[in-house]
Amino acid sequence: MRVDDTHSLDLGSGGQFETVIPSGNEVMDLVVPLAGSHSSCEVDDFTSMVAKPTEFIRPSVVKGADCVSVSLFIDNPHPGQNIAVGSLIARGVQAPLAGWSFSEACPLVDEYGQYTHREWPGKIHTEKDLVAHREQEANDLAHHSLPKDWDGFGGWQKGPQLEATGYFRVEKVKGVWWMVDPEGRLFWSHGVVRVGTRIPVGGIYRGTPLLDREKFFNLPGTNSALARFYGTEPQATRGYYVGRSDHAVYDYLEANLFHKYGSDWDFKNAETAQRRLGSWGLNTIATSSDPKAYSMRETPYTAVVYTAPFGAEEYRIAGSHGDWGKFPDPFDPEWRRQIVKNPSEKS
């Protein structure tokens, strides 16, 4: 079934609901969610947000007040196949905060970085909640440690014993290429990216952008102990903050870790991350992760090595384009020198 409003009909795209209709005379309801058409807050009020919170307006591609057609389709119909259509009913309630002004709606985000206008199990209300989570996780990690068949690097302890070189390498074993860890055990790298709080993707990205949306947030005063978590970050590679270099941010994640672990939160968080990964059966800190985490050298890791200055035009193919900048030119002699220099600086 497809429902169209005046706008989607012109574009040839509408709200659709597909289902398998059973054979026989069974009756069933088809439900298509429709968007609301009223909100006191304007779209432009929600700067750099993908969509409005549903408390302010019902989300959908089709506006309920502007519906003009309902269409039914059958894939591969059989001869004599019929569909009887019953009543079409529009029902629902207005979004609960549809009448609120933007100033009434703000702050949208509380002091812990959570959405203000909704409750859910596990939502943080006080610092004591974060401390309780810390203690719960410590207990869980104590009962769920590293897999017993791992060696010191997360390799297959009970697998073939190859030469222990002290380095990771690749080697063909029985006709199959494998990674081999420093102890000479087969190694299947299984990890997650962006472990930590400060993410190196060209520049260092952290926190929540504040520029042009300060009213969204419940933020600490500049004399607060949490003021240390204000900062800036480079321009984004896409979206609203492209071209807005060194825009202000507030790092709710680091502030919450400060509440959770105390003044040495950065060390304790990095240490806990190692144990957490092992408990989950992950043996690799993958790309774009925080150096504070992987430099502890307790878990195998991959580090980012750039083949050309990130976001710059040097050593790039002029006619190329993409979210991460122009493509490096492998035939530029200077680019080749970068390839040699950059990995040596990371080692």
C-alpha atoms as a PDB file:
ATOM      1  CA  MET A   1       0.000   0.000   0.000  1.00  0.00           C
ATOM      2  CA  ARG A   2       1.174   3.488  -0.800  1.00  0.00           C
ATOM      3  CA  VAL A   3      -0.100   6.801   0.529  1.00  0.00           C
ATOM      4  CA  ASP A   4       0.690  10.096  -1.186  1.00  0.00           C
ATOM      5  CA  ASP A   5       0.288  13.730  -0.253  1.00  0.00           C
ATOM      6  CA  THR A   6       0.376  16.619  -2.711  1.00  0.00           C
ATOM      7  CA  HIS A   7       4.161  16.882  -2.487  1.00  0.00           C
ATOM      8  CA  SER A   8       5.083  13.190  -2.778  1.00  0.00           C
ATOM      9  CA  LEU A   9       2.634  12.700  -5.671  1.00  0.00           C
ATOM     10  CA  ASP A  10       4.551  15.276  -7.703  1.00  0.00           C
ATOM     11  CA  LEU A  11       7.879  13.626  -6.821  1.00  0.00           C
ATOM     12  CA  GLY A  12       6.684  10.096  -7.468  1.00  0.00           C
ATOM     13  CA  SER A  13       7.632   8.959  -3.952  1.00  0.00           C
ATOM     14  CA  GLY A  14       5.279   8.323  -1.060  1.00  0.00           C
ATOM     15  CA  GLY A  15       4.895   6.667   2.259  1.00  0.00           C
ATOM     16  CA  GLN A  16       4.734   2.917   1.672  1.00  0.00           C
ATOM     17  CA  PHE A  17       3.825  -0.091   3.765  1.00  0.00           C
ATOM     18  CA  GLU A  18       4.523  -3.516   2.304  1.00  0.00           C
ATOM     19  CA  THR A  19       3.144  -6.739   3.719  1.00  0.00           C
ATOM     20  CA  VAL A  20       2.384 -10.316   2.739  1.00  0.00           C
ATOM     21  CA  ILE A  21      -1.377 -10.700   2.510  1.00  0.00           C
ATOM     22  CA  PRO A  22      -2.411 -14.244   3.493  1.00  0.00           C
ATOM     23  CA  SER A  23      -4.543 -16.398   1.246  1.00  0.00           C
ATOM     24  CA  GLY A  24      -8.176 -17.039   1.993  1.00  0.00           C
ATOM     25  CA  ASN A  25     -10.619 -14.597   3.501  1.00  0.00           C
ATOM     26  CA  GLU A  26      -8.533 -13.358   6.400  1.00  0.00           C
ATOM     27  CA  VAL A  27      -9.014  -9.707   7.296  1.00  0.00           C
ATOM     28  CA  MET A  28      -6.014  -7.602   8.272  1.00  0.00           C
ATOM     29  CA  ASP A  29      -5.175  -3.968   8.941  1.00  0.00           C
ATOM     30  CA  LEU A  30      -2.501  -2.045   7.053  1.00  0.00           C
ATOM     31  CA  VAL A  31      -1.126   0.946   8.945  1.00  0.00           C
ATOM     32  CA  VAL A  32       0.871   3.795   7.399  1.00  0.00           C
ATOM     33  CA  PRO A  33       2.388   6.333   9.821  1.00  0.00           C
ATOM     34  CA  LEU A  34       1.721   9.895   8.692  1.00  0.00           C
ATOM     35  CA  ALA A  35       3.515  13.083   9.631  1.00  0.00           C
ATOM     36  CA  GLY A  36       1.967  15.822  11.681  1.00  0.00           C
ATOM     37  CA  SER A  37       1.502  19.199  10.072  1.00  0.00           C
ATOM     38  CA  HIS A  38       1.701  21.514  13.073  1.00  0.00           C
ATOM     39  CA  SER A  39       4.524  22.506  15.365  1.00  0.00           C
ATOM     40  CA  SER A  40       5.338  25.798  17.026  1.00  0.00           C
ATOM     41  CA  CYS A  41       9.052  25.124  16.454  1.00  0.00           C
ATOM     42  CA  GLU A  42      10.407  25.803  12.993  1.00  0.00           C
ATOM     43  CA  VAL A  43      12.718  23.376  11.188  1.00  0.00           C
ATOM     44  CA  ASP A  44      15.510  25.962  11.223  1.00  0.00           C
ATOM     45  CA  ASP A  45      15.401  26.053  15.029  1.00  0.00           C
ATOM     46  CA  PHE A  46      16.924  22.558  15.162  1.00  0.00           C
ATOM     47  CA  THR A  47      20.329  23.460  13.726  1.00  0.00           C
ATOM     48  CA  SER A  48      22.440  20.508  12.557  1.00  0.00           C
ATOM     49  CA  MET A  49      19.877  17.915  13.631  1.00  0.00           C
ATOM     50  CA  VAL A  50      18.779  15.208  11.203  1.00  0.00           C
ATOM     51  CA  ALA A  51      15.134  15.526  12.286  1.00  0.00           C
ATOM     52  CA  LYS A  52      12.978  17.088  14.954  1.00  0.00           C
ATOM     53  CA  PRO A  53      12.323  15.097  18.125  1.00  0.00           C
ATOM     54  CA  THR A  54       9.006  13.267  17.795  1.00  0.00           C
ATOM     55  CA  GLU A  55       7.624  15.113  20.821  1.00  0.00           C
ATOM     56  CA  PHE A  56       7.319  18.199  18.610  1.00  0.00           C
ATOM     57  CA  ILE A  57       6.038  16.762  15.344  1.00  0.00           C
ATOM     58  CA  ARG A  58       5.180  13.296  14.054  1.00  0.00           C
ATOM     59  CA  PRO A  59       7.837  12.114  11.556  1.00  0.00           C
ATOM     60  CA  SER A  60       7.032  10.635   8.137  1.00  0.00           C
ATOM     61  CA  VAL A  61       7.546  11.425   4.468  1.00  0.00           C
ATOM     62  CA  VAL A  62       3.803  12.072   3.992  1.00  0.00           C
ATOM     63  CA  LYS A  63       1.757  14.720   5.826  1.00  0.00           C
ATOM     64  CA  GLY A  64      -1.516  13.376   7.125  1.00  0.00           C
ATOM     65  CA  ALA A  65      -3.454  16.596   6.520  1.00  0.00           C
ATOM     66  CA  ASP A  66      -2.443  16.687   2.849  1.00  0.00           C
ATOM     67  CA  CYS A  67      -3.189  13.096   1.747  1.00  0.00           C
ATOM     68  CA  VAL A  68      -4.616  12.858  -1.765  1.00  0.00           C
ATOM     69  CA  SER A  69      -4.388   9.172  -2.712  1.00  0.00           C
ATOM     70  CA  VAL A  70      -4.113   5.626  -1.416  1.00  0.00           C
ATOM     71  CA  SER A  71      -2.870   2.913  -3.815  1.00  0.00           C
ATOM     72  CA  LEU A  72      -2.747  -0.870  -3.493  1.00  0.00           C
ATOM     73  CA  PHE A  73      -0.359  -3.081  -5.456  1.00  0.00           C
ATOM     74  CA  ILE A  74       0.019  -6.848  -5.896  1.00  0.00           C
ATOM     75  CA  ASP A  75       3.269  -8.409  -7.038  1.00  0.00           C
ATOM     76  CA  ASN A  76       2.722 -11.245  -9.522  1.00  0.00           C
ATOM     77  CA  PRO A  77      -1.088 -11.447  -9.158  1.00  0.00           C
ATOM     78  CA  HIS A  78      -2.865 -14.727  -9.905  1.00  0.00           C
ATOM     79  CA  PRO A  79      -5.905 -14.925 -12.192  1.00  0.00           C
ATOM     80  CA  GLY A  80      -9.083 -14.286 -10.262  1.00  0.00           C
ATOM     81  CA  GLN A  81      -7.256 -12.817  -7.266  1.00  0.00           C
ATOM     82  CA  ASN A  82      -9.272 -10.071  -5.549  1.00  0.00           C
ATOM     83  CA  ILE A  83      -8.816  -7.690  -2.664  1.00  0.00           C
ATOM     84  CA  ALA A  84     -11.727  -6.168  -0.763  1.00  0.00           C
ATOM     85  CA  VAL A  85     -10.914  -2.817   0.845  1.00  0.00           C
ATOM     86  CA  GLY A  86     -12.727  -1.786   3.982  1.00  0.00           C
ATOM     87  CA  SER A  87     -12.858   1.507   5.800  1.00  0.00           C
ATOM     88  CA  LEU A  88     -10.004   4.013   5.619  1.00  0.00           C
ATOM     89  CA  ILE A  89      -9.535   5.501   9.061  1.00  0.00           C
ATOM     90  CA  ALA A  90      -7.304   8.373  10.105  1.00  0.00           C
ATOM     91  CA  ARG A  91      -6.514   8.263  13.793  1.00  0.00           C
ATOM     92  CA  GLY A  92      -3.876   9.301  16.288  1.00  0.00           C
ATOM     93  CA  VAL A  93      -2.989  12.068  18.658  1.00  0.00           C
ATOM     94  CA  GLN A  94      -1.069  15.272  18.234  1.00  0.00           C
ATOM     95  CA  ALA A  95       2.613  15.257  19.139  1.00  0.00           C
ATOM     96  CA  PRO A  96       2.637  15.999  22.902  1.00  0.00           C
ATOM     97  CA  LEU A  97       4.800  19.138  22.676  1.00  0.00           C
ATOM     98  CA  ALA A  98       3.523  20.420  19.325  1.00  0.00           C
ATOM     99  CA  GLY A  99       2.294  23.629  20.919  1.00  0.00           C
ATOM    100  CA  TRP A 100       5.541  24.484  22.674  1.00  0.00           C
ATOM    101  CA  SER A 101       7.713  27.328  21.468  1.00  0.00           C
ATOM    102  CA  PHE A 102      11.402  26.691  20.875  1.00  0.00           C
ATOM    103  CA  SER A 103      12.348  28.638  24.007  1.00  0.00           C
ATOM    104  CA  GLU A 104      10.006  26.442  26.069  1.00  0.00           C
ATOM    105  CA  ALA A 105      11.498  23.297  24.523  1.00  0.00           C
ATOM    106  CA  CYS A 106      15.078  24.202  25.458  1.00  0.00           C
ATOM    107  CA  PRO A 107      17.297  22.916  26.827  1.00  0.00           C
ATOM    108  CA  LEU A 108      16.783  19.797  24.731  1.00  0.00           C
ATOM    109  CA  VAL A 109      19.827  18.134  26.321  1.00  0.00           C
ATOM    110  CA  ASP A 110      20.460  17.810  30.059  1.00  0.00           C
ATOM    111  CA  GLU A 111      23.711  18.145  31.998  1.00  0.00           C
ATOM    112  CA  TYR A 112      24.651  14.532  31.187  1.00  0.00           C
ATOM    113  CA  GLY A 113      24.125  14.879  27.432  1.00  0.00           C
ATOM    114  CA  GLN A 114      20.746  13.134  27.403  1.00  0.00           C
ATOM    115  CA  TYR A 115      17.481  14.125  25.758  1.00  0.00           C
ATOM    116  CA  THR A 116      15.429  16.137  28.244  1.00  0.00           C
ATOM    117  CA  HIS A 117      11.855  15.368  27.227  1.00  0.00           C
ATOM    118  CA  ARG A 118      11.820  11.594  27.604  1.00  0.00           C
ATOM    119  CA  GLU A 119      12.519   8.929  30.229  1.00  0.00           C
ATOM    120  CA  TRP A 120      13.932   5.405  29.728  1.00  0.00           C
ATOM    121  CA  PRO A 121      15.418   2.630  31.862  1.00  0.00           C
ATOM    122  CA  GLY A 122      18.993   3.482  32.823  1.00  0.00           C
ATOM    123  CA  LYS A 123      18.740   7.237  32.217  1.00  0.00           C
ATOM    124  CA  ILE A 124      21.238   9.140  34.375  1.00  0.00           C
ATOM    125  CA  HIS A 125      19.734  11.575  36.880  1.00  0.00           C
ATOM    126  CA  THR A 126      22.577  12.118  39.349  1.00  0.00           C
ATOM    127  CA  GLU A 127      26.318  11.486  39.616  1.00  0.00           C
ATOM    128  CA  LYS A 128      25.491   8.563  41.923  1.00  0.00           C
ATOM    129  CA  ASP A 129      23.932   6.769  38.946  1.00  0.00           C
ATOM    130  CA  LEU A 130      27.231   6.939  37.031  1.00  0.00           C
ATOM    131  CA  VAL A 131      29.168   5.667  40.036  1.00  0.00           C
ATOM    132  CA  ALA A 132      26.686   2.799  40.392  1.00  0.00           C
ATOM    133  CA  HIS A 133      27.230   1.909  36.720  1.00  0.00           C
ATOM    134  CA  ARG A 134      30.987   1.875  37.327  1.00  0.00           C
ATOM    135  CA  GLU A 135      30.599  -0.593  40.190  1.00  0.00           C
ATOM    136  CA  GLN A 136      28.178  -2.786  38.228  1.00  0.00           C
ATOM    137  CA  GLU A 137      30.585  -2.996  35.303  1.00  0.00           C
ATOM    138  CA  ALA A 138      33.567  -3.739  37.565  1.00  0.00           C
ATOM    139  CA  ASN A 139      31.648  -6.683  39.003  1.00  0.00           C
ATOM    140  CA  ASP A 140      30.675  -7.913  35.548  1.00  0.00           C
ATOM    141  CA  LEU A 141      34.249  -7.684  34.246  1.00  0.00           C
ATOM    142  CA  ALA A 142      35.509  -9.599  37.265  1.00  0.00           C
ATOM    143  CA  HIS A 143      33.196 -12.488  36.338  1.00  0.00           C
ATOM    144  CA  HIS A 144      33.730 -12.308  32.550  1.00  0.00           C
ATOM    145  CA  SER A 145      37.420 -11.948  31.802  1.00  0.00           C
ATOM    146  CA  LEU A 146      39.450 -12.776  28.684  1.00  0.00           C
ATOM    147  CA  PRO A 147      38.634 -15.918  26.677  1.00  0.00           C
ATOM    148  CA  LYS A 148      40.617 -18.834  28.077  1.00  0.00           C
ATOM    149  CA  ASP A 149      41.961 -19.939  24.679  1.00  0.00           C
ATOM    150  CA  TRP A 150      43.754 -16.626  24.009  1.00  0.00           C
ATOM    151  CA  ASP A 151      47.466 -16.065  24.336  1.00  0.00           C
ATOM    152  CA  GLY A 152      48.863 -12.746  25.550  1.00  0.00           C
ATOM    153  CA  PHE A 153      47.910 -10.978  22.304  1.00  0.00           C
ATOM    154  CA  GLY A 154      44.492 -12.511  21.714  1.00  0.00           C
ATOM    155  CA  GLY A 155      45.864 -15.181  19.375  1.00  0.00           C
ATOM    156  CA  TRP A 156      44.752 -18.817  19.242  1.00  0.00           C
ATOM    157  CA  GLN A 157      46.609 -20.364  22.181  1.00  0.00           C
ATOM    158  CA  LYS A 158      45.634 -23.932  21.299  1.00  0.00           C
ATOM    159  CA  GLY A 159      46.361 -23.536  17.599  1.00  0.00           C
ATOM    160  CA  PRO A 160      49.568 -24.222  15.650  1.00  0.00           C
ATOM    161  CA  GLN A 161      52.793 -22.953  17.195  1.00  0.00           C
ATOM    162  CA  LEU A 162      54.762 -21.019  14.576  1.00  0.00           C
ATOM    163  CA  GLU A 163      57.992 -19.092  14.981  1.00  0.00           C
ATOM    164  CA  ALA A 164      57.704 -16.425  17.687  1.00  0.00           C
ATOM    165  CA  THR A 165      59.350 -13.342  16.150  1.00  0.00           C
ATOM    166  CA  GLY A 166      58.151 -10.715  18.625  1.00  0.00           C
ATOM    167  CA  TYR A 167      56.235  -8.949  15.813  1.00  0.00           C
ATOM    168  CA  PHE A 168      52.921  -9.285  14.045  1.00  0.00           C
ATOM    169  CA  ARG A 169      53.247 -10.658  10.519  1.00  0.00           C
ATOM    170  CA  VAL A 170      51.362 -12.551   7.809  1.00  0.00           C
ATOM    171  CA  GLU A 171      52.261 -16.093   6.847  1.00  0.00           C
ATOM    172  CA  LYS A 172      50.765 -18.790   4.645  1.00  0.00           C
ATOM    173  CA  VAL A 173      49.738 -21.784   6.764  1.00  0.00           C
ATOM    174  CA  LYS A 174      48.533 -24.902   4.937  1.00  0.00           C
ATOM    175  CA  GLY A 175      47.813 -22.844   1.840  1.00  0.00           C
ATOM    176  CA  VAL A 176      45.906 -20.072   3.672  1.00  0.00           C
ATOM    177  CA  TRP A 177      47.259 -16.627   4.563  1.00  0.00           C
ATOM    178  CA  TRP A 178      47.023 -15.834   8.272  1.00  0.00           C
ATOM    179  CA  MET A 179      48.022 -13.063  10.603  1.00  0.00           C
ATOM    180  CA  VAL A 180      50.470 -14.378  13.179  1.00  0.00           C
ATOM    181  CA  ASP A 181      50.971 -12.676  16.531  1.00  0.00           C
ATOM    182  CA  PRO A 182      54.352 -12.025  18.210  1.00  0.00           C
ATOM    183  CA  GLU A 183      54.120 -15.312  20.155  1.00  0.00           C
ATOM    184  CA  GLY A 184      53.742 -17.275  16.912  1.00  0.00           C
ATOM    185  CA  ARG A 185      50.028 -18.010  17.258  1.00  0.00           C
ATOM    186  CA  LEU A 186      47.383 -17.587  14.549  1.00  0.00           C
ATOM    187  CA  PHE A 187      45.637 -14.263  15.047  1.00  0.00           C
ATOM    188  CA  TRP A 188      42.134 -13.326  13.898  1.00  0.00           C
ATOM    189  CA  SER A 189      41.827  -9.565  14.395  1.00  0.00           C
ATOM    190  CA  HIS A 190      38.395  -8.717  15.788  1.00  0.00           C
ATOM    191  CA  GLY A 191      37.850  -5.204  17.094  1.00  0.00           C
ATOM    192  CA  VAL A 192      35.972  -1.919  16.976  1.00  0.00           C
ATOM    193  CA  VAL A 193      36.958   1.529  15.740  1.00  0.00           C
ATOM    194  CA  ARG A 194      37.090   4.747  17.778  1.00  0.00           C
ATOM    195  CA  VAL A 195      37.844   3.375  21.207  1.00  0.00           C
ATOM    196  CA  GLY A 196      38.291   6.293  23.593  1.00  0.00           C
ATOM    197  CA  THR A 197      37.091   9.891  23.703  1.00  0.00           C
ATOM    198  CA  ARG A 198      39.294  11.869  21.298  1.00  0.00           C
ATOM    199  CA  ILE A 199      39.023  10.603  17.774  1.00  0.00           C
ATOM    200  CA  PRO A 200      41.894  11.270  15.342  1.00  0.00           C
ATOM    201  CA  VAL A 201      40.389  11.648  11.866  1.00  0.00           C
ATOM    202  CA  GLY A 202      42.755  14.185  10.377  1.00  0.00           C
ATOM    203  CA  GLY A 203      42.283  16.525  13.326  1.00  0.00           C
ATOM    204  CA  ILE A 204      41.132  15.494  16.784  1.00  0.00           C
ATOM    205  CA  TYR A 205      37.346  15.318  17.046  1.00  0.00           C
ATOM    206  CA  ARG A 206      35.630  15.380  20.392  1.00  0.00           C
ATOM    207  CA  GLY A 207      32.519  16.636  22.056  1.00  0.00           C
ATOM    208  CA  THR A 208      29.265  18.193  20.886  1.00  0.00           C
ATOM    209  CA  PRO A 209      29.368  21.259  18.606  1.00  0.00           C
ATOM    210  CA  LEU A 210      27.864  24.340  20.259  1.00  0.00           C
ATOM    211  CA  LEU A 211      28.102  27.003  17.553  1.00  0.00           C
ATOM    212  CA  ASP A 212      24.632  28.383  16.654  1.00  0.00           C
ATOM    213  CA  ARG A 213      22.910  25.920  19.018  1.00  0.00           C
ATOM    214  CA  GLU A 214      24.015  26.856  22.512  1.00  0.00           C
ATOM    215  CA  LYS A 215      20.370  27.002  23.660  1.00  0.00           C
ATOM    216  CA  PHE A 216      19.999  23.254  23.050  1.00  0.00           C
ATOM    217  CA  PHE A 217      22.148  22.336  26.031  1.00  0.00           C
ATOM    218  CA  ASN A 218      22.278  22.516  29.805  1.00  0.00           C
ATOM    219  CA  LEU A 219      25.932  23.529  30.127  1.00  0.00           C
ATOM    220  CA  PRO A 220      28.187  24.122  33.160  1.00  0.00           C
ATOM    221  CA  GLY A 221      29.413  27.578  34.113  1.00  0.00           C
ATOM    222  CA  THR A 222      32.884  28.715  33.125  1.00  0.00           C
ATOM    223  CA  ASN A 223      34.015  28.559  36.775  1.00  0.00           C
ATOM    224  CA  SER A 224      32.752  25.007  37.231  1.00  0.00           C
ATOM    225  CA  ALA A 225      35.066  22.011  37.635  1.00  0.00           C
ATOM    226  CA  LEU A 226      33.484  20.783  34.395  1.00  0.00           C
ATOM    227  CA  ALA A 227      34.619  23.845  32.420  1.00  0.00           C
ATOM    228  CA  ARG A 228      37.757  21.888  31.478  1.00  0.00           C
ATOM    229  CA  PHE A 229      35.604  19.944  29.036  1.00  0.00           C
ATOM    230  CA  TYR A 230      34.917  22.948  26.822  1.00  0.00           C
ATOM    231  CA  GLY A 231      37.134  23.113  23.756  1.00  0.00           C
ATOM    232  CA  THR A 232      37.233  23.450  19.998  1.00  0.00           C
ATOM    233  CA  GLU A 233      37.518  21.045  17.075  1.00  0.00           C
ATOM    234  CA  PRO A 234      38.342  21.344  13.350  1.00  0.00           C
ATOM    235  CA  GLN A 235      35.746  21.917  10.680  1.00  0.00           C
ATOM    236  CA  ALA A 236      33.629  18.888   9.816  1.00  0.00           C
ATOM    237  CA  THR A 237      33.990  16.933   6.596  1.00  0.00           C
ATOM    238  CA  ARG A 238      30.239  17.054   5.947  1.00  0.00           C
ATOM    239  CA  GLY A 239      27.077  18.737   7.184  1.00  0.00           C
ATOM    240  CA  TYR A 240      26.560  22.041   8.980  1.00  0.00           C
ATOM    241  CA  TYR A 241      30.109  22.460  10.332  1.00  0.00           C
ATOM    242  CA  VAL A 242      31.943  22.261   7.011  1.00  0.00           C
ATOM    243  CA  GLY A 243      33.992  25.468   6.741  1.00  0.00           C
ATOM    244  CA  ARG A 244      33.478  26.321  10.430  1.00  0.00           C
ATOM    245  CA  SER A 245      36.993  25.792  11.724  1.00  0.00           C
ATOM    246  CA  ASP A 246      37.766  25.699  15.440  1.00  0.00           C
ATOM    247  CA  HIS A 247      34.100  25.800  16.440  1.00  0.00           C
ATOM    248  CA  ALA A 248      33.279  25.505  20.140  1.00  0.00           C
ATOM    249  CA  VAL A 249      32.387  22.115  21.616  1.00  0.00           C
ATOM    250  CA  TYR A 250      31.506  20.668  25.002  1.00  0.00           C
ATOM    251  CA  ASP A 251      32.543  17.077  25.700  1.00  0.00           C
ATOM    252  CA  TYR A 252      29.689  15.405  27.567  1.00  0.00           C
ATOM    253  CA  LEU A 253      31.419  12.018  27.320  1.00  0.00           C
ATOM    254  CA  GLU A 254      34.574  13.154  29.086  1.00  0.00           C
ATOM    255  CA  ALA A 255      32.537  15.116  31.647  1.00  0.00           C
ATOM    256  CA  ASN A 256      30.513  11.989  32.444  1.00  0.00           C
ATOM    257  CA  LEU A 257      33.697   9.947  32.779  1.00  0.00           C
ATOM    258  CA  PHE A 258      34.966  12.590  35.223  1.00  0.00           C
ATOM    259  CA  HIS A 259      31.787  12.064  37.262  1.00  0.00           C
ATOM    260  CA  LYS A 260      32.196   8.299  36.969  1.00  0.00           C
ATOM    261  CA  TYR A 261      35.901   7.821  37.736  1.00  0.00           C
ATOM    262  CA  GLY A 262      37.131  11.035  39.359  1.00  0.00           C
ATOM    263  CA  SER A 263      40.135  13.221  38.550  1.00  0.00           C
ATOM    264  CA  ASP A 264      42.149  10.433  36.882  1.00  0.00           C
ATOM    265  CA  TRP A 265      39.192   9.500  34.669  1.00  0.00           C
ATOM    266  CA  ASP A 266      41.281   9.407  31.476  1.00  0.00           C
ATOM    267  CA  PHE A 267      43.636   6.691  32.762  1.00  0.00           C
ATOM    268  CA  LYS A 268      40.872   4.669  34.436  1.00  0.00           C
ATOM    269  CA  ASN A 269      38.665   4.854  31.355  1.00  0.00           C
ATOM    270  CA  ALA A 270      41.487   3.701  29.064  1.00  0.00           C
ATOM    271  CA  GLU A 271      42.344   0.887  31.473  1.00  0.00           C
ATOM    272  CA  THR A 272      38.712  -0.228  31.702  1.00  0.00           C
ATOM    273  CA  ALA A 273      38.397  -0.142  27.903  1.00  0.00           C
ATOM    274  CA  GLN A 274      41.107  -2.820  27.634  1.00  0.00           C
ATOM    275  CA  ARG A 275      39.276  -5.113  30.045  1.00  0.00           C
ATOM    276  CA  ARG A 276      35.916  -4.374  28.438  1.00  0.00           C
ATOM    277  CA  LEU A 277      37.124  -5.313  24.961  1.00  0.00           C
ATOM    278  CA  GLY A 278      38.610  -8.585  26.172  1.00  0.00           C
ATOM    279  CA  SER A 279      35.450  -9.420  28.083  1.00  0.00           C
ATOM    280  CA  TRP A 280      33.465  -8.932  24.867  1.00  0.00           C
ATOM    281  CA  GLY A 281      35.811 -11.230  22.933  1.00  0.00           C
ATOM    282  CA  LEU A 282      37.477  -8.369  21.029  1.00  0.00           C
ATOM    283  CA  ASN A 283      41.262  -8.500  20.633  1.00  0.00           C
ATOM    284  CA  THR A 284      41.927  -5.327  18.597  1.00  0.00           C
ATOM    285  CA  ILE A 285      41.617  -1.585  19.111  1.00  0.00           C
ATOM    286  CA  ALA A 286      40.816  -0.629  15.533  1.00  0.00           C
ATOM    287  CA  THR A 287      41.405   2.520  13.498  1.00  0.00           C
ATOM    288  CA  SER A 288      40.733   6.122  14.571  1.00  0.00           C
ATOM    289  CA  SER A 289      40.951   5.246  18.248  1.00  0.00           C
ATOM    290  CA  ASP A 290      42.250   7.457  21.037  1.00  0.00           C
ATOM    291  CA  PRO A 291      46.045   7.191  21.539  1.00  0.00           C
ATOM    292  CA  LYS A 292      45.389   7.233  25.303  1.00  0.00           C
ATOM    293  CA  ALA A 293      43.773   3.835  24.890  1.00  0.00           C
ATOM    294  CA  TYR A 294      46.095   2.073  22.480  1.00  0.00           C
ATOM    295  CA  SER A 295      49.361   3.567  23.772  1.00  0.00           C
ATOM    296  CA  MET A 296      48.904   1.502  26.948  1.00  0.00           C
ATOM    297  CA  ARG A 297      49.951  -1.380  24.652  1.00  0.00           C
ATOM    298  CA  GLU A 298      47.750  -3.893  26.428  1.00  0.00           C
ATOM    299  CA  THR A 299      45.656  -4.705  23.342  1.00  0.00           C
ATOM    300  CA  PRO A 300      46.800  -5.044  19.695  1.00  0.00           C
ATOM    301  CA  TYR A 301      45.839  -1.918  17.757  1.00  0.00           C
ATOM    302  CA  THR A 302      45.862  -0.241  14.385  1.00  0.00           C
ATOM    303  CA  ALA A 303      46.896   3.408  14.101  1.00  0.00           C
ATOM    304  CA  VAL A 304      45.961   5.856  11.351  1.00  0.00           C
ATOM    305  CA  VAL A 305      48.780   6.746   8.967  1.00  0.00           C
ATOM    306  CA  TYR A 306      47.887   9.480   6.472  1.00  0.00           C
ATOM    307  CA  THR A 307      49.325   9.319   2.975  1.00  0.00           C
ATOM    308  CA  ALA A 308      48.939  13.089   2.493  1.00  0.00           C
ATOM    309  CA  PRO A 309      48.123  16.064   4.755  1.00  0.00           C
ATOM    310  CA  PHE A 310      44.491  15.593   5.785  1.00  0.00           C
ATOM    311  CA  GLY A 311      42.131  18.187   4.304  1.00  0.00           C
ATOM    312  CA  ALA A 312      44.921  19.882   2.299  1.00  0.00           C
ATOM    313  CA  GLU A 313      45.491  20.043  -1.434  1.00  0.00           C
ATOM    314  CA  GLU A 314      49.124  18.867  -1.493  1.00  0.00           C
ATOM    315  CA  TYR A 315      49.929  15.699  -3.421  1.00  0.00           C
ATOM    316  CA  ARG A 316      46.305  15.308  -4.517  1.00  0.00           C
ATOM    317  CA  ILE A 317      44.622  14.645  -7.860  1.00  0.00           C
ATOM    318  CA  ALA A 318      43.013  17.967  -8.716  1.00  0.00           C
ATOM    319  CA  GLY A 319      39.957  16.493 -10.458  1.00  0.00           C
ATOM    320  CA  SER A 320      39.060  14.074  -7.670  1.00  0.00           C
ATOM    321  CA  HIS A 321      36.577  14.713  -4.890  1.00  0.00           C
ATOM    322  CA  GLY A 322      35.004  13.008  -1.891  1.00  0.00           C
ATOM    323  CA  ASP A 323      33.899  13.431   1.725  1.00  0.00           C
ATOM    324  CA  TRP A 324      37.473  13.031   2.954  1.00  0.00           C
ATOM    325  CA  GLY A 325      39.053  15.360   0.410  1.00  0.00           C
ATOM    326  CA  LYS A 326      40.781  14.843  -2.912  1.00  0.00           C
ATOM    327  CA  PHE A 327      42.448  11.526  -3.677  1.00  0.00           C
ATOM    328  CA  PRO A 328      46.247  11.364  -3.119  1.00  0.00           C
ATOM    329  CA  ASP A 329      48.355  11.325  -6.301  1.00  0.00           C
ATOM    330  CA  PRO A 330      50.574   8.195  -6.144  1.00  0.00           C
ATOM    331  CA  PHE A 331      52.713   9.496  -9.032  1.00  0.00           C
ATOM    332  CA  ASP A 332      53.752  12.676  -7.206  1.00  0.00           C
ATOM    333  CA  PRO A 333      57.371  12.210  -5.985  1.00  0.00           C
ATOM    334  CA  GLU A 334      56.645  14.138  -2.792  1.00  0.00           C
ATOM    335  CA  TRP A 335      53.716  11.847  -2.031  1.00  0.00           C
ATOM    336  CA  ARG A 336      56.094   8.881  -2.211  1.00  0.00           C
ATOM    337  CA  ARG A 337      58.353  10.551   0.329  1.00  0.00           C
ATOM    338  CA  GLN A 338      55.317  11.024   2.609  1.00  0.00           C
ATOM    339  CA  ILE A 339      54.590   7.299   2.380  1.00  0.00           C
ATOM    340  CA  VAL A 340      58.048   6.554   3.753  1.00  0.00           C
ATOM    341  CA  LYS A 341      58.084   9.292   6.387  1.00  0.00           C
ATOM    342  CA  ASN A 342      54.607   9.021   7.968  1.00  0.00           C
ATOM    343  CA  PRO A 343      54.701   5.359   9.099  1.00  0.00           C
ATOM    344  CA  SER A 344      58.170   5.826  10.601  1.00  0.00           C
ATOM    345  CA  GLU A 345      56.839   8.706  12.713  1.00  0.00           C
ATOM    346  CA  LYS A 346      54.047   6.455  14.037  1.00  0.00           C
ATOM    347  CA  SER A 347      56.273   3.532  14.954  1.00  0.00           C
END
